[in-house]
Amino acid sequence: MQDWLVDPAPDPENLLAEAEDRIGVRTALKDALARLTAPERHIILARFLAEHPTTLEDLGASFSVSRKRICQIEVGSLQKLKGALRAYLEGTPPVHRRSRLIASIARATADSQRSQL
């Protein structure tokens, strides 16, 4: 009988923990982006954080460099971001929060490297 009275709504503690995680990730990303140079930050924002991602060709034209060079800058920038985020989150428990963010950055790096080929 008691099983029928269970509220299907999310637990308030879980909601609070998820909200804190989002704030932490947002802060970590903001700090990590601040460590990039202006062109690196522009490329990352245009490729991954824009509503409509910019193509490598368009970015290459705006920086007067080749598509391949933009891709190289992108890969280097993603590696810098990954390192900065790892350093920022190094002491943040529990481990699954940190590994989830690092895994998403690693996937973005791998996707970028695949598109370079």
Protein backbone atom coordinates (compact mmCIF):
# COMPACT_ATOMS: atom_id res chain seq x y z
CA MET A 1 0.00 0.00 0.00
CA GLN A 2 2.80 2.41 0.86
CA ASP A 3 4.42 1.91 -2.55
CA TRP A 4 1.44 3.55 -4.14
CA LEU A 5 1.96 6.74 -2.17
CA VAL A 6 5.53 7.36 -3.33
CA ASP A 7 5.97 10.80 -4.84
CA PRO A 8 7.53 10.49 -8.33
CA ALA A 9 9.00 14.01 -8.09
CA PRO A 10 12.80 14.28 -7.76
CA ASP A 11 14.23 14.30 -4.28
CA PRO A 12 15.02 17.88 -3.08
CA GLU A 13 18.50 16.80 -1.99
CA ASN A 14 19.26 15.46 -5.46
CA LEU A 15 17.92 18.64 -7.06
CA LEU A 16 20.17 20.74 -4.83
CA ALA A 17 23.20 18.55 -5.56
CA GLU A 18 22.57 18.78 -9.31
CA ALA A 19 22.19 22.56 -9.10
CA GLU A 20 25.48 22.82 -7.19
CA ASP A 21 27.15 20.59 -9.79
CA ARG A 22 25.92 22.83 -12.61
CA ILE A 23 27.22 25.93 -10.83
CA GLY A 24 30.57 24.24 -10.23
CA VAL A 25 30.90 23.16 -13.85
CA ARG A 26 29.91 26.61 -15.08
CA THR A 27 32.50 28.25 -12.80
CA ALA A 28 35.20 25.76 -13.80
CA LEU A 29 34.51 26.29 -17.50
CA LYS A 30 34.52 30.08 -17.12
CA ASP A 31 37.88 29.98 -15.30
CA ALA A 32 39.34 27.52 -17.81
CA LEU A 33 38.23 29.68 -20.76
CA ALA A 34 39.87 32.70 -19.12
CA ARG A 35 43.24 30.90 -19.35
CA LEU A 36 43.04 30.72 -23.15
CA THR A 37 44.32 33.41 -25.48
CA ALA A 38 41.72 35.58 -27.19
CA PRO A 39 41.90 33.70 -30.54
CA GLU A 40 41.77 30.31 -28.80
CA ARG A 41 38.77 31.39 -26.73
CA HIS A 42 37.03 32.77 -29.83
CA ILE A 43 37.52 29.49 -31.69
CA ILE A 44 36.26 27.36 -28.79
CA LEU A 45 33.24 29.60 -28.21
CA ALA A 46 32.39 29.66 -31.92
CA ARG A 47 32.84 25.91 -32.43
CA PHE A 48 31.38 24.42 -29.24
CA LEU A 49 29.43 26.96 -27.21
CA ALA A 50 27.54 28.86 -29.90
CA GLU A 51 23.93 28.09 -30.71
CA HIS A 52 24.97 27.62 -34.34
CA PRO A 53 28.59 26.37 -34.49
CA THR A 54 30.91 28.12 -36.92
CA THR A 55 32.68 25.99 -39.52
CA LEU A 56 36.44 25.62 -39.66
CA GLU A 57 36.39 27.29 -43.07
CA ASP A 58 34.57 30.37 -41.77
CA LEU A 59 36.89 30.69 -38.79
CA GLY A 60 39.90 30.23 -41.06
CA ALA A 61 38.67 33.07 -43.27
CA SER A 62 38.09 35.37 -40.29
CA PHE A 63 41.62 34.70 -38.93
CA SER A 64 43.22 34.60 -42.41
CA VAL A 65 44.60 31.11 -41.84
CA SER A 66 43.81 27.66 -43.20
CA ARG A 67 41.08 25.38 -41.99
CA LYS A 68 43.78 22.96 -40.85
CA ARG A 69 45.46 25.65 -38.72
CA ILE A 70 42.13 26.47 -37.03
CA CYS A 71 41.73 22.77 -36.30
CA GLN A 72 45.24 22.65 -34.77
CA ILE A 73 44.47 25.66 -32.59
CA GLU A 74 41.17 24.05 -31.59
CA VAL A 75 42.85 20.79 -30.54
CA GLY A 76 45.49 22.64 -28.53
CA SER A 77 42.84 24.79 -26.89
CA LEU A 78 40.74 21.77 -25.94
CA GLN A 79 43.81 20.17 -24.38
CA LYS A 80 44.46 23.36 -22.39
CA LEU A 81 40.83 23.39 -21.27
CA LYS A 82 40.98 19.75 -20.26
CA GLY A 83 44.10 20.36 -18.17
CA ALA A 84 42.68 23.49 -16.56
CA LEU A 85 39.38 21.78 -15.75
CA ARG A 86 41.16 18.76 -14.34
CA ALA A 87 43.29 21.00 -12.12
CA TYR A 88 40.25 23.02 -11.03
CA LEU A 89 38.15 19.97 -10.20
CA GLU A 90 40.97 17.92 -8.69
CA GLY A 91 39.68 18.30 -5.15
CA THR A 92 35.94 18.22 -5.91
CA PRO A 93 34.26 15.11 -4.51
CA PRO A 94 32.67 12.85 -5.53
CA VAL A 95 34.78 11.45 -8.34
CA HIS A 96 31.85 10.86 -10.71
CA ARG A 97 31.29 14.62 -11.06
CA ARG A 98 34.87 15.22 -12.07
CA SER A 99 35.09 12.22 -14.38
CA ARG A 100 31.81 13.09 -16.14
CA LEU A 101 33.12 16.57 -17.02
CA ILE A 102 36.56 15.31 -18.04
CA ALA A 103 34.96 12.60 -20.19
CA SER A 104 32.85 15.18 -22.03
CA ILE A 105 35.95 17.33 -22.68
CA ALA A 106 37.85 14.23 -23.84
CA ARG A 107 35.02 13.36 -26.25
CA ALA A 108 35.11 16.89 -27.68
CA THR A 109 38.88 16.62 -28.12
CA ALA A 110 38.57 13.25 -29.84
CA ASP A 111 35.80 14.51 -32.13
CA SER A 112 37.95 17.50 -33.06
CA GLN A 113 40.94 15.30 -33.81
CA ARG A 114 38.80 12.97 -35.94
CA SER A 115 37.48 15.89 -37.96
CA GLN A 116 41.06 16.98 -38.57
CA LEU A 117 41.82 13.73 -40.40
